[in-house]
């Protein structure tokens, strides 16, 4: 993925000095799907920041005012051994909850979608959302994505009190390029 900017955000590659900001939202992830990324301490965060700085898998969501990293975003082409699906992209986001409800997630995601559809020529974008993650469900809907289905007891990120995996339902949302273009055109049309 390539860095980009929005009105209030700079979406850029991670840098090794982002460790403290990364720890702030990955120390205790709010969504179960990020539990595997949980960071125990600043040393673990330094290691993760270094690893992310040499990869393009995740981009840092940074405030233009001050440069603080408040989350991350990704867009990865669909892997396939049989069919070329490079025009199908899985996306996701993880925002520090202290910066929620300020519109940063939708601003970053809209920028990502615009880049994926117009620059990388994506045909289809999809996201998996833990059922019950109301903030991500609303974000998908505000982006014009439609729910395509629910995978029942799809994956386990946590164990119960007895150490047995808790399998959670996962929703899939998606949007096609022509649907995004139609929504973008509608948002530019003045109201009567």
N, C-alpha and C. Protein backbone atom coordinates (compact mmCIF):
# COMPACT_ATOMS: atom_id res chain seq x y z
N UNK A 1 0.85 -1.17 0.00
CA UNK A 1 0.00 0.00 0.00
C UNK A 1 0.89 1.23 0.00
N UNK A 2 0.36 2.26 -0.58
CA UNK A 2 1.10 3.52 -0.63
C UNK A 2 0.50 4.52 0.33
N UNK A 3 1.34 5.33 0.94
CA UNK A 3 0.84 6.38 1.85
C UNK A 3 -0.05 7.38 1.11
N UNK A 4 -0.95 8.03 1.87
CA UNK A 4 -1.81 9.07 1.32
C UNK A 4 -2.21 10.00 2.45
N UNK A 5 -2.82 11.10 2.09
CA UNK A 5 -3.29 12.06 3.10
C UNK A 5 -4.76 12.34 2.91
N UNK A 6 -5.41 12.70 4.00
CA UNK A 6 -6.79 13.17 3.98
C UNK A 6 -6.78 14.55 4.63
N UNK A 7 -7.93 15.09 4.86
CA UNK A 7 -8.01 16.44 5.44
C UNK A 7 -7.27 16.55 6.77
N UNK A 8 -7.48 15.59 7.68
CA UNK A 8 -6.89 15.68 9.02
C UNK A 8 -5.83 14.64 9.31
N UNK A 9 -5.63 13.71 8.36
CA UNK A 9 -4.79 12.56 8.63
C UNK A 9 -3.68 12.38 7.61
N UNK A 10 -2.62 11.82 8.07
CA UNK A 10 -1.52 11.37 7.22
C UNK A 10 -1.48 9.85 7.38
N UNK A 11 -1.69 9.13 6.30
CA UNK A 11 -1.66 7.67 6.34
C UNK A 11 -0.31 7.30 5.74
N UNK A 12 0.56 6.75 6.58
CA UNK A 12 1.95 6.53 6.17
C UNK A 12 2.46 5.19 6.68
N UNK A 13 3.65 4.83 6.20
CA UNK A 13 4.30 3.62 6.71
C UNK A 13 4.65 3.82 8.18
N UNK A 14 4.66 2.73 8.91
CA UNK A 14 5.09 2.79 10.30
C UNK A 14 6.58 3.09 10.35
N UNK A 15 7.00 3.69 11.45
CA UNK A 15 8.40 3.99 11.70
C UNK A 15 8.76 3.43 13.08
N UNK A 16 10.02 3.08 13.30
CA UNK A 16 10.40 2.48 14.59
C UNK A 16 10.01 3.33 15.80
N UNK A 17 10.00 4.65 15.67
CA UNK A 17 9.66 5.50 16.82
C UNK A 17 8.16 5.53 17.14
N UNK A 18 7.34 4.76 16.42
CA UNK A 18 5.89 4.71 16.67
C UNK A 18 5.51 3.74 17.78
N UNK A 19 6.50 3.15 18.44
CA UNK A 19 6.23 2.08 19.41
C UNK A 19 5.25 2.47 20.52
N UNK A 20 5.44 3.62 21.14
CA UNK A 20 4.56 4.01 22.26
C UNK A 20 3.12 4.19 21.80
N UNK A 21 2.93 4.79 20.64
CA UNK A 21 1.57 4.98 20.11
C UNK A 21 0.94 3.64 19.75
N UNK A 22 1.73 2.73 19.20
CA UNK A 22 1.25 1.39 18.85
C UNK A 22 0.82 0.64 20.12
N UNK A 23 1.63 0.74 21.15
CA UNK A 23 1.30 0.10 22.42
C UNK A 23 0.01 0.64 23.00
N UNK A 24 -0.26 1.92 22.81
CA UNK A 24 -1.45 2.55 23.38
C UNK A 24 -2.74 1.88 22.92
N UNK A 25 -2.79 1.37 21.69
CA UNK A 25 -4.04 0.73 21.25
C UNK A 25 -3.93 -0.78 21.08
N UNK A 26 -2.71 -1.33 21.13
CA UNK A 26 -2.58 -2.78 21.02
C UNK A 26 -2.23 -3.47 22.34
N UNK A 27 -2.10 -2.69 23.41
CA UNK A 27 -1.83 -3.30 24.71
C UNK A 27 -3.03 -4.14 25.16
N UNK A 28 -4.20 -3.59 25.01
CA UNK A 28 -5.44 -4.30 25.33
C UNK A 28 -6.42 -4.05 24.18
N UNK A 29 -6.31 -4.82 23.10
CA UNK A 29 -7.19 -4.61 21.95
C UNK A 29 -8.67 -4.66 22.35
N UNK A 30 -9.46 -3.78 21.78
CA UNK A 30 -10.89 -3.73 22.11
C UNK A 30 -11.70 -4.74 21.31
N UNK A 31 -11.17 -5.20 20.20
CA UNK A 31 -11.87 -6.19 19.39
C UNK A 31 -11.13 -7.52 19.47
N UNK A 32 -11.87 -8.60 19.63
CA UNK A 32 -11.25 -9.92 19.76
C UNK A 32 -10.35 -10.27 18.59
N UNK A 33 -10.69 -9.79 17.38
CA UNK A 33 -9.90 -10.18 16.21
C UNK A 33 -8.47 -9.66 16.26
N UNK A 34 -8.20 -8.70 17.14
CA UNK A 34 -6.84 -8.16 17.26
C UNK A 34 -6.09 -8.73 18.47
N UNK A 35 -6.67 -9.73 19.14
CA UNK A 35 -6.03 -10.29 20.34
C UNK A 35 -4.66 -10.90 20.03
N UNK A 36 -4.51 -11.49 18.85
CA UNK A 36 -3.22 -12.08 18.48
C UNK A 36 -2.13 -11.02 18.30
N UNK A 37 -2.54 -9.78 18.11
CA UNK A 37 -1.59 -8.67 17.94
C UNK A 37 -1.28 -7.95 19.25
N UNK A 38 -1.89 -8.40 20.34
CA UNK A 38 -1.71 -7.71 21.63
C UNK A 38 -0.23 -7.61 22.00
N UNK A 39 0.13 -6.44 22.49
CA UNK A 39 1.52 -6.17 22.88
C UNK A 39 1.61 -6.10 24.40
N UNK A 40 2.54 -6.85 24.97
CA UNK A 40 2.66 -6.93 26.42
C UNK A 40 3.30 -5.70 27.05
N UNK A 41 4.27 -5.10 26.33
CA UNK A 41 5.01 -3.99 26.92
C UNK A 41 5.69 -3.18 25.82
N UNK A 42 6.44 -2.16 26.24
CA UNK A 42 7.09 -1.27 25.29
C UNK A 42 8.14 -1.99 24.45
N UNK A 43 8.82 -2.97 25.01
CA UNK A 43 9.80 -3.73 24.21
C UNK A 43 9.11 -4.48 23.07
N UNK A 44 7.98 -5.09 23.37
CA UNK A 44 7.21 -5.79 22.33
C UNK A 44 6.72 -4.79 21.28
N UNK A 45 6.32 -3.61 21.73
CA UNK A 45 5.85 -2.57 20.80
C UNK A 45 6.99 -2.08 19.92
N UNK A 46 8.19 -1.96 20.47
CA UNK A 46 9.35 -1.55 19.67
C UNK A 46 9.62 -2.58 18.57
N UNK A 47 9.56 -3.84 18.94
CA UNK A 47 9.78 -4.91 17.98
C UNK A 47 8.72 -4.88 16.87
N UNK A 48 7.47 -4.69 17.28
CA UNK A 48 6.37 -4.63 16.31
C UNK A 48 6.49 -3.41 15.41
N UNK A 49 6.85 -2.27 15.97
CA UNK A 49 7.02 -1.05 15.17
C UNK A 49 8.14 -1.24 14.15
N UNK A 50 9.25 -1.87 14.56
CA UNK A 50 10.36 -2.14 13.62
C UNK A 50 9.88 -3.07 12.50
N UNK A 51 9.15 -4.12 12.86
CA UNK A 51 8.66 -5.06 11.85
C UNK A 51 7.71 -4.37 10.87
N UNK A 52 6.81 -3.56 11.40
CA UNK A 52 5.87 -2.86 10.53
C UNK A 52 6.57 -1.82 9.67
N UNK A 53 7.66 -1.25 10.15
CA UNK A 53 8.36 -0.22 9.36
C UNK A 53 9.05 -0.81 8.14
N UNK A 54 9.27 -2.11 8.12
CA UNK A 54 9.90 -2.73 6.96
C UNK A 54 8.90 -3.51 6.12
N UNK A 55 7.62 -3.22 6.29
CA UNK A 55 6.55 -3.91 5.57
C UNK A 55 5.52 -2.88 5.10
N UNK A 56 4.78 -3.23 4.07
CA UNK A 56 3.70 -2.37 3.59
C UNK A 56 2.33 -2.94 3.93
N UNK A 57 2.28 -3.96 4.79
CA UNK A 57 1.01 -4.60 5.11
C UNK A 57 0.06 -3.66 5.86
N UNK A 58 0.60 -2.92 6.83
CA UNK A 58 -0.20 -1.99 7.61
C UNK A 58 0.32 -0.57 7.38
N UNK A 59 -0.58 0.38 7.31
CA UNK A 59 -0.20 1.79 7.29
C UNK A 59 -0.67 2.42 8.58
N UNK A 60 0.12 3.34 9.09
CA UNK A 60 -0.21 4.06 10.32
C UNK A 60 -1.19 5.18 10.02
N UNK A 61 -2.21 5.32 10.84
CA UNK A 61 -3.15 6.45 10.76
C UNK A 61 -2.62 7.48 11.74
N UNK A 62 -2.17 8.62 11.21
CA UNK A 62 -1.54 9.66 12.04
C UNK A 62 -2.31 10.96 11.95
N UNK A 63 -2.39 11.66 13.05
CA UNK A 63 -2.96 12.99 13.06
C UNK A 63 -1.97 13.95 12.38
N UNK A 64 -2.46 14.76 11.46
CA UNK A 64 -1.57 15.76 10.85
C UNK A 64 -1.10 16.74 11.91
N UNK A 65 -1.98 17.06 12.83
CA UNK A 65 -1.64 17.98 13.91
C UNK A 65 -0.91 17.20 15.01
N UNK A 66 0.39 17.21 15.00
CA UNK A 66 1.18 16.55 16.03
C UNK A 66 1.82 15.24 15.61
N UNK A 67 1.29 14.59 14.60
CA UNK A 67 1.90 13.37 14.08
C UNK A 67 1.65 12.10 14.86
N UNK A 68 0.80 12.15 15.87
CA UNK A 68 0.57 10.97 16.70
C UNK A 68 -0.12 9.85 15.90
N UNK A 69 0.35 8.61 16.08
CA UNK A 69 -0.28 7.44 15.47
C UNK A 69 -1.49 7.08 16.32
N UNK A 70 -2.66 7.02 15.68
CA UNK A 70 -3.89 6.72 16.41
C UNK A 70 -4.53 5.41 15.96
N UNK A 71 -3.86 4.70 15.06
CA UNK A 71 -4.40 3.43 14.58
C UNK A 71 -3.68 2.96 13.35
N UNK A 72 -4.26 1.94 12.72
CA UNK A 72 -3.69 1.44 11.48
C UNK A 72 -4.79 0.99 10.54
N UNK A 73 -4.41 0.81 9.30
CA UNK A 73 -5.35 0.42 8.26
C UNK A 73 -4.60 -0.48 7.29
N UNK A 74 -5.32 -1.41 6.65
CA UNK A 74 -4.66 -2.26 5.66
C UNK A 74 -5.58 -2.57 4.50
N UNK A 75 -5.00 -2.93 3.39
CA UNK A 75 -5.69 -3.39 2.20
C UNK A 75 -4.81 -4.40 1.51
N UNK A 76 -5.26 -5.67 1.47
CA UNK A 76 -4.45 -6.75 0.94
C UNK A 76 -5.22 -7.47 -0.16
N UNK A 77 -4.56 -7.67 -1.31
CA UNK A 77 -5.21 -8.38 -2.42
C UNK A 77 -5.52 -9.81 -2.02
N UNK A 78 -6.63 -10.31 -2.53
CA UNK A 78 -7.10 -11.67 -2.23
C UNK A 78 -6.12 -12.70 -2.78
N UNK A 79 -5.55 -13.54 -1.93
CA UNK A 79 -4.66 -14.59 -2.45
C UNK A 79 -5.48 -15.73 -3.07
N UNK A 80 -4.97 -16.28 -4.15
CA UNK A 80 -5.65 -17.41 -4.78
C UNK A 80 -4.63 -18.21 -5.57
N UNK A 81 -4.74 -19.53 -5.47
CA UNK A 81 -3.86 -20.41 -6.23
C UNK A 81 -4.42 -20.74 -7.60
N UNK A 82 -5.72 -20.48 -7.79
CA UNK A 82 -6.35 -20.94 -9.03
C UNK A 82 -6.84 -19.82 -9.94
N UNK A 83 -7.28 -18.71 -9.38
CA UNK A 83 -7.88 -17.64 -10.19
C UNK A 83 -7.21 -16.32 -9.82
N UNK A 84 -6.99 -15.46 -10.82
CA UNK A 84 -6.43 -14.14 -10.53
C UNK A 84 -7.50 -13.29 -9.86
N UNK A 85 -7.30 -13.00 -8.58
CA UNK A 85 -8.23 -12.17 -7.84
C UNK A 85 -7.52 -10.94 -7.29
N UNK A 86 -6.51 -10.48 -7.99
CA UNK A 86 -5.74 -9.34 -7.51
C UNK A 86 -6.56 -8.06 -7.46
N UNK A 87 -7.75 -8.08 -8.11
CA UNK A 87 -8.62 -6.91 -8.07
C UNK A 87 -9.62 -6.97 -6.91
N UNK A 88 -9.49 -7.97 -6.05
CA UNK A 88 -10.33 -8.13 -4.87
C UNK A 88 -9.45 -7.89 -3.65
N UNK A 89 -9.85 -6.94 -2.80
CA UNK A 89 -8.99 -6.50 -1.71
C UNK A 89 -9.71 -6.61 -0.37
N UNK A 90 -9.05 -7.26 0.58
CA UNK A 90 -9.54 -7.33 1.97
C UNK A 90 -9.00 -6.10 2.70
N UNK A 91 -9.87 -5.43 3.44
CA UNK A 91 -9.48 -4.24 4.19
C UNK A 91 -9.80 -4.40 5.66
N UNK A 92 -9.14 -3.60 6.46
CA UNK A 92 -9.42 -3.58 7.89
C UNK A 92 -8.80 -2.36 8.52
N UNK A 93 -9.20 -2.10 9.75
CA UNK A 93 -8.76 -0.92 10.47
C UNK A 93 -8.77 -1.22 11.95
N UNK A 94 -7.93 -0.51 12.67
CA UNK A 94 -7.87 -0.64 14.12
C UNK A 94 -7.53 0.74 14.65
N UNK A 95 -8.42 1.32 15.41
CA UNK A 95 -8.24 2.68 15.89
C UNK A 95 -8.14 2.69 17.42
N UNK A 96 -7.24 3.51 17.93
CA UNK A 96 -7.13 3.72 19.37
C UNK A 96 -8.49 4.22 19.86
N UNK A 97 -9.13 3.53 20.81
CA UNK A 97 -10.48 3.92 21.25
C UNK A 97 -10.54 5.34 21.84
N UNK A 98 -9.42 5.87 22.29
CA UNK A 98 -9.42 7.25 22.81
C UNK A 98 -9.66 8.28 21.71
N UNK A 99 -9.57 7.85 20.45
CA UNK A 99 -9.78 8.76 19.32
C UNK A 99 -11.04 8.39 18.55
N UNK A 100 -11.89 7.57 19.16
CA UNK A 100 -13.15 7.18 18.53
C UNK A 100 -14.15 8.32 18.51
N UNK A 101 -15.14 8.17 17.67
CA UNK A 101 -16.26 9.10 17.56
C UNK A 101 -15.85 10.50 17.10
N UNK A 102 -14.68 10.60 16.46
CA UNK A 102 -14.24 11.89 15.91
C UNK A 102 -14.22 11.86 14.39
N UNK A 103 -14.63 10.74 13.79
CA UNK A 103 -14.67 10.62 12.34
C UNK A 103 -13.36 10.23 11.70
N UNK A 104 -12.35 9.89 12.50
CA UNK A 104 -11.05 9.54 11.93
C UNK A 104 -11.09 8.22 11.16
N UNK A 105 -11.81 7.22 11.68
CA UNK A 105 -11.86 5.92 11.01
C UNK A 105 -12.49 6.03 9.63
N UNK A 106 -13.60 6.75 9.52
CA UNK A 106 -14.23 6.85 8.21
C UNK A 106 -13.39 7.71 7.26
N UNK A 107 -12.73 8.71 7.79
CA UNK A 107 -11.86 9.54 6.96
C UNK A 107 -10.71 8.71 6.38
N UNK A 108 -10.09 7.89 7.23
CA UNK A 108 -8.99 7.03 6.76
C UNK A 108 -9.50 5.98 5.78
N UNK A 109 -10.64 5.35 6.10
CA UNK A 109 -11.18 4.30 5.24
C UNK A 109 -11.62 4.86 3.89
N UNK A 110 -12.25 6.02 3.88
CA UNK A 110 -12.64 6.63 2.59
C UNK A 110 -11.41 6.91 1.73
N UNK A 111 -10.35 7.41 2.36
CA UNK A 111 -9.11 7.64 1.63
C UNK A 111 -8.54 6.35 1.07
N UNK A 112 -8.57 5.29 1.87
CA UNK A 112 -8.08 3.99 1.43
C UNK A 112 -8.93 3.47 0.26
N UNK A 113 -10.25 3.54 0.39
CA UNK A 113 -11.13 3.05 -0.67
C UNK A 113 -10.91 3.83 -1.96
N UNK A 114 -10.80 5.15 -1.86
CA UNK A 114 -10.57 5.97 -3.05
C UNK A 114 -9.27 5.54 -3.73
N UNK A 115 -8.23 5.31 -2.94
CA UNK A 115 -6.95 4.87 -3.49
C UNK A 115 -7.08 3.48 -4.13
N UNK A 116 -7.73 2.56 -3.44
CA UNK A 116 -7.86 1.20 -3.97
C UNK A 116 -8.66 1.18 -5.27
N UNK A 117 -9.74 1.92 -5.33
CA UNK A 117 -10.57 1.90 -6.53
C UNK A 117 -9.97 2.71 -7.68
N UNK A 118 -9.42 3.88 -7.39
CA UNK A 118 -8.97 4.73 -8.49
C UNK A 118 -7.50 4.51 -8.88
N UNK A 119 -6.64 4.21 -7.94
CA UNK A 119 -5.22 4.06 -8.25
C UNK A 119 -4.85 2.59 -8.46
N UNK A 120 -5.30 1.73 -7.56
CA UNK A 120 -4.93 0.31 -7.66
C UNK A 120 -5.94 -0.50 -8.47
N UNK A 121 -6.98 0.17 -8.96
CA UNK A 121 -7.96 -0.45 -9.85
C UNK A 121 -8.66 -1.67 -9.26
N UNK A 122 -8.95 -1.61 -7.96
CA UNK A 122 -9.69 -2.70 -7.32
C UNK A 122 -11.09 -2.79 -7.91
N UNK A 123 -11.59 -3.98 -8.02
CA UNK A 123 -12.96 -4.21 -8.50
C UNK A 123 -13.91 -4.41 -7.32
N UNK A 124 -13.37 -5.04 -6.25
CA UNK A 124 -14.20 -5.39 -5.10
C UNK A 124 -13.37 -5.24 -3.83
N UNK A 125 -13.98 -4.63 -2.80
CA UNK A 125 -13.36 -4.49 -1.50
C UNK A 125 -14.27 -5.16 -0.48
N UNK A 126 -13.68 -5.93 0.41
CA UNK A 126 -14.50 -6.57 1.45
C UNK A 126 -13.81 -6.47 2.80
N UNK A 127 -14.61 -6.64 3.85
CA UNK A 127 -14.10 -6.58 5.22
C UNK A 127 -14.83 -7.63 6.06
N UNK A 128 -14.09 -8.24 6.97
CA UNK A 128 -14.68 -9.12 7.97
C UNK A 128 -14.83 -8.32 9.26
N UNK A 129 -15.98 -8.48 9.91
CA UNK A 129 -16.26 -7.76 11.15
C UNK A 129 -16.80 -8.75 12.17
N UNK A 130 -16.20 -8.74 13.36
CA UNK A 130 -16.74 -9.57 14.44
C UNK A 130 -18.18 -9.17 14.70
N UNK A 131 -19.08 -10.15 14.74
CA UNK A 131 -20.47 -9.84 15.05
C UNK A 131 -20.51 -9.20 16.44
N UNK A 132 -21.19 -8.08 16.54
CA UNK A 132 -21.25 -7.36 17.81
C UNK A 132 -20.29 -6.19 17.87
N UNK A 133 -19.40 -6.05 16.88
CA UNK A 133 -18.51 -4.89 16.81
C UNK A 133 -19.30 -3.79 16.10
N UNK A 134 -20.19 -3.16 16.85
CA UNK A 134 -21.13 -2.19 16.27
C UNK A 134 -20.43 -1.04 15.57
N UNK A 135 -19.31 -0.57 16.11
CA UNK A 135 -18.60 0.56 15.49
C UNK A 135 -18.12 0.19 14.09
N UNK A 136 -17.54 -1.00 13.91
CA UNK A 136 -17.07 -1.41 12.59
C UNK A 136 -18.24 -1.72 11.65
N UNK A 137 -19.31 -2.27 12.19
CA UNK A 137 -20.49 -2.50 11.36
C UNK A 137 -21.03 -1.18 10.81
N UNK A 138 -21.14 -0.17 11.68
CA UNK A 138 -21.62 1.15 11.24
C UNK A 138 -20.66 1.76 10.23
N UNK A 139 -19.37 1.61 10.47
CA UNK A 139 -18.38 2.15 9.55
C UNK A 139 -18.54 1.53 8.17
N UNK A 140 -18.67 0.23 8.10
CA UNK A 140 -18.88 -0.44 6.81
C UNK A 140 -20.12 0.11 6.11
N UNK A 141 -21.20 0.25 6.85
CA UNK A 141 -22.44 0.75 6.26
C UNK A 141 -22.29 2.20 5.79
N UNK A 142 -21.60 3.03 6.56
CA UNK A 142 -21.37 4.43 6.15
C UNK A 142 -20.48 4.52 4.92
N UNK A 143 -19.64 3.51 4.71
CA UNK A 143 -18.79 3.47 3.52
C UNK A 143 -19.54 2.96 2.30
N UNK A 144 -20.81 2.60 2.48
CA UNK A 144 -21.61 2.10 1.36
C UNK A 144 -21.50 0.60 1.15
N UNK A 145 -20.85 -0.08 2.08
CA UNK A 145 -20.72 -1.53 1.96
C UNK A 145 -22.03 -2.20 2.36
N UNK A 146 -22.27 -3.36 1.81
CA UNK A 146 -23.44 -4.13 2.16
C UNK A 146 -23.01 -5.40 2.87
N UNK A 147 -23.82 -5.85 3.80
CA UNK A 147 -23.52 -7.11 4.47
C UNK A 147 -23.86 -8.24 3.51
N UNK A 148 -22.90 -9.11 3.28
CA UNK A 148 -23.10 -10.22 2.35
C UNK A 148 -23.44 -11.52 3.06
N UNK A 149 -23.12 -11.60 4.32
CA UNK A 149 -23.43 -12.83 5.02
C UNK A 149 -22.82 -12.85 6.41
N UNK A 150 -23.14 -13.93 7.12
CA UNK A 150 -22.60 -14.14 8.46
C UNK A 150 -22.03 -15.56 8.48
N UNK A 151 -20.77 -15.67 8.85
CA UNK A 151 -20.14 -16.96 9.02
C UNK A 151 -20.36 -17.37 10.47
N UNK A 152 -21.16 -18.41 10.69
CA UNK A 152 -21.50 -18.86 12.04
C UNK A 152 -20.33 -19.62 12.67
N UNK A 153 -20.02 -19.26 13.92
CA UNK A 153 -18.93 -19.88 14.66
C UNK A 153 -17.71 -20.06 13.77
N UNK A 154 -17.30 -18.96 13.14
CA UNK A 154 -16.28 -18.95 12.10
C UNK A 154 -14.86 -19.08 12.62
N UNK A 155 -14.56 -18.35 13.67
CA UNK A 155 -13.18 -18.31 14.14
C UNK A 155 -13.15 -18.06 15.64
N UNK A 156 -12.05 -18.47 16.27
CA UNK A 156 -11.89 -18.25 17.70
C UNK A 156 -10.66 -17.39 17.95
N UNK A 157 -10.85 -16.34 18.72
CA UNK A 157 -9.75 -15.47 19.10
C UNK A 157 -9.45 -15.55 20.60
N UNK A 158 -10.41 -16.05 21.37
CA UNK A 158 -10.26 -16.14 22.82
C UNK A 158 -10.75 -17.50 23.30
N UNK A 159 -10.35 -17.84 24.51
CA UNK A 159 -10.81 -19.07 25.15
C UNK A 159 -11.72 -18.73 26.31
N UNK A 160 -12.58 -19.68 26.66
CA UNK A 160 -13.45 -19.48 27.81
C UNK A 160 -12.69 -19.76 29.10
N UNK A 161 -13.37 -19.71 30.23
CA UNK A 161 -12.73 -19.90 31.54
C UNK A 161 -12.10 -21.29 31.70
N UNK A 162 -12.53 -22.25 30.86
CA UNK A 162 -12.01 -23.62 30.94
C UNK A 162 -10.93 -23.87 29.88
N UNK A 163 -10.54 -22.81 29.15
CA UNK A 163 -9.50 -22.95 28.15
C UNK A 163 -9.96 -23.44 26.80
N UNK A 164 -11.27 -23.55 26.62
CA UNK A 164 -11.81 -24.02 25.34
C UNK A 164 -12.06 -22.81 24.42
N UNK A 165 -11.79 -22.97 23.13
CA UNK A 165 -11.99 -21.85 22.20
C UNK A 165 -13.46 -21.41 22.15
N UNK A 166 -13.65 -20.10 22.10
CA UNK A 166 -14.98 -19.52 21.91
C UNK A 166 -15.06 -19.13 20.44
N UNK A 167 -15.88 -19.84 19.67
CA UNK A 167 -16.01 -19.55 18.25
C UNK A 167 -17.04 -18.45 18.05
N UNK A 168 -16.64 -17.43 17.32
CA UNK A 168 -17.46 -16.24 17.14
C UNK A 168 -18.00 -16.15 15.72
N UNK A 169 -19.14 -15.49 15.60
CA UNK A 169 -19.71 -15.23 14.28
C UNK A 169 -18.99 -14.03 13.66
N UNK A 170 -18.81 -14.09 12.36
CA UNK A 170 -18.13 -13.02 11.63
C UNK A 170 -18.99 -12.58 10.46
N UNK A 171 -19.21 -11.28 10.34
CA UNK A 171 -19.96 -10.74 9.22
C UNK A 171 -19.01 -10.34 8.11
N UNK A 172 -19.47 -10.50 6.87
CA UNK A 172 -18.68 -10.02 5.73
C UNK A 172 -19.46 -8.90 5.05
N UNK A 173 -18.76 -7.79 4.86
CA UNK A 173 -19.28 -6.63 4.14
C UNK A 173 -18.47 -6.46 2.88
N UNK A 174 -19.09 -5.90 1.82
CA UNK A 174 -18.35 -5.66 0.58
C UNK A 174 -18.96 -4.52 -0.21
N UNK A 175 -18.16 -3.99 -1.13
CA UNK A 175 -18.61 -2.96 -2.06
C UNK A 175 -17.84 -3.15 -3.36
N UNK A 176 -18.53 -2.92 -4.47
CA UNK A 176 -17.92 -3.00 -5.80
C UNK A 176 -17.54 -1.60 -6.28
N UNK A 177 -16.60 -1.53 -7.20
CA UNK A 177 -16.13 -0.24 -7.69
C UNK A 177 -17.29 0.62 -8.22
N UNK A 178 -18.19 0.02 -9.03
CA UNK A 178 -19.29 0.83 -9.59
C UNK A 178 -20.25 1.30 -8.50
N UNK A 179 -20.38 0.54 -7.41
CA UNK A 179 -21.22 0.99 -6.29
C UNK A 179 -20.55 2.17 -5.58
N UNK A 180 -19.23 2.10 -5.39
CA UNK A 180 -18.48 3.19 -4.77
C UNK A 180 -18.60 4.45 -5.63
N UNK A 181 -18.42 4.29 -6.95
CA UNK A 181 -18.50 5.44 -7.86
C UNK A 181 -19.89 6.06 -7.82
N UNK A 182 -20.91 5.24 -7.78
CA UNK A 182 -22.29 5.76 -7.72
C UNK A 182 -22.50 6.53 -6.42
N UNK A 183 -22.00 6.01 -5.31
CA UNK A 183 -22.12 6.70 -4.03
C UNK A 183 -21.33 7.98 -3.99
N UNK A 184 -20.15 7.98 -4.59
CA UNK A 184 -19.32 9.20 -4.65
C UNK A 184 -20.00 10.25 -5.49
N UNK A 185 -20.60 9.82 -6.61
CA UNK A 185 -21.32 10.78 -7.46
C UNK A 185 -22.51 11.37 -6.72
N UNK A 186 -23.23 10.54 -5.96
CA UNK A 186 -24.40 11.00 -5.23
C UNK A 186 -24.00 12.00 -4.14
N UNK A 187 -22.85 11.77 -3.51
CA UNK A 187 -22.43 12.68 -2.44
C UNK A 187 -21.98 14.03 -2.99
N UNK A 188 -21.63 14.09 -4.27
CA UNK A 188 -21.22 15.36 -4.88
C UNK A 188 -22.40 16.12 -5.48
N UNK A 189 -23.54 15.43 -5.61
CA UNK A 189 -24.71 16.08 -6.19
C UNK A 189 -25.38 16.95 -5.13
N UNK A 190 -25.57 18.25 -5.43
CA UNK A 190 -26.21 19.12 -4.44
C UNK A 190 -27.66 18.69 -4.17
N UNK A 191 -28.06 18.85 -2.96
CA UNK A 191 -29.46 18.53 -2.59
C UNK A 191 -30.39 19.57 -3.21
N UNK A 192 -31.61 19.16 -3.62
CA UNK A 192 -32.56 20.10 -4.22
C UNK A 192 -33.03 21.13 -3.23
